[in-house]
């Protein structure tokens, strides 16, 4: 017969003494039960902890992805702004090419195609992590397209610049800036047919109008010689400058004329002040460009257009 195990329980005062006898079978069963209870407790605790850790990590990932989405959306807005700015740069570049007598860039070249090898893109694999539907692959393509457009415009500017260097003096005499500081005036009416402010009938308008306060400086848009400086009928105070090569510019409705016939002027030099003289409904400058006696659209000769504000 196997010996029983004896368990003694002694109180702190050493007076109480209890004795328990337990057979080996019951002892091993008790140990097994205790281990089972401990194992179950550890299993339940570890599973709960794992769920807690998972939920906490998932919450952090969602917060990070939300921030990532906001960054992506802000970058998309920047891409849109870059496209608008590039459109202004393209307009300026075409004006520059026209001034230096270079042909415009062909539309097919501007489209730039989709030539060249394409790198394998794994960005779409990450889109499921974002809280909103986002086409990262399309975003990457647009950035690459912007890069190609920038390279094209850089090449165009370099070509134009090389052309200017061949005879830089000629281009000083070609109108190329606004006659009124755009921070002090507002483009109010353009070249072409419009409704006449007096009789409301449609008539052809030979130039551009810039609304500004009386006394706002008016500048020469190219080097030249003043041919007329006088008060002239419906034009009011009137200045006409000969720039050579068939170019002439006209400035009307001035409040003051600061140059006289025969004076040499430089591009950017103040020649008068905005006014409301002659046939005019409000203070403004009427500005014309003529080439060999024929009026042409001044819009094609504003090379100083700030990016993003081209009219």
Foldseek 3Di string as FASTA:
>chain_A
DDAWDKDWDADPVRPDIDIDTGHPVVVVVVVVVVVVVVVVVVVVVVVVVVVVVVVVVLVVLQVVLAVVVVVVVVVVVVLVLLVQLLVVLLLLLQLLCVLLVHDRDDPVVLVVDDDDDDDDDPVVVCQVSHPDRDDVVVVVVSVVSSVVSVVVSVVSVVVSVVSCVVPVVLSLLAQAAAFFPCVFKAWDDFFAWDQDPPPRHIDGALGTKIDGDWFGFTWDRHKFFWAAFAQDAQQGGKTKTHSPQQKIKIKGQFPFAQDHGGDTHGHPDGGGTFHAGHNGDHTIITMFMGGNRHTDTCLSRHSPDDRSRRD
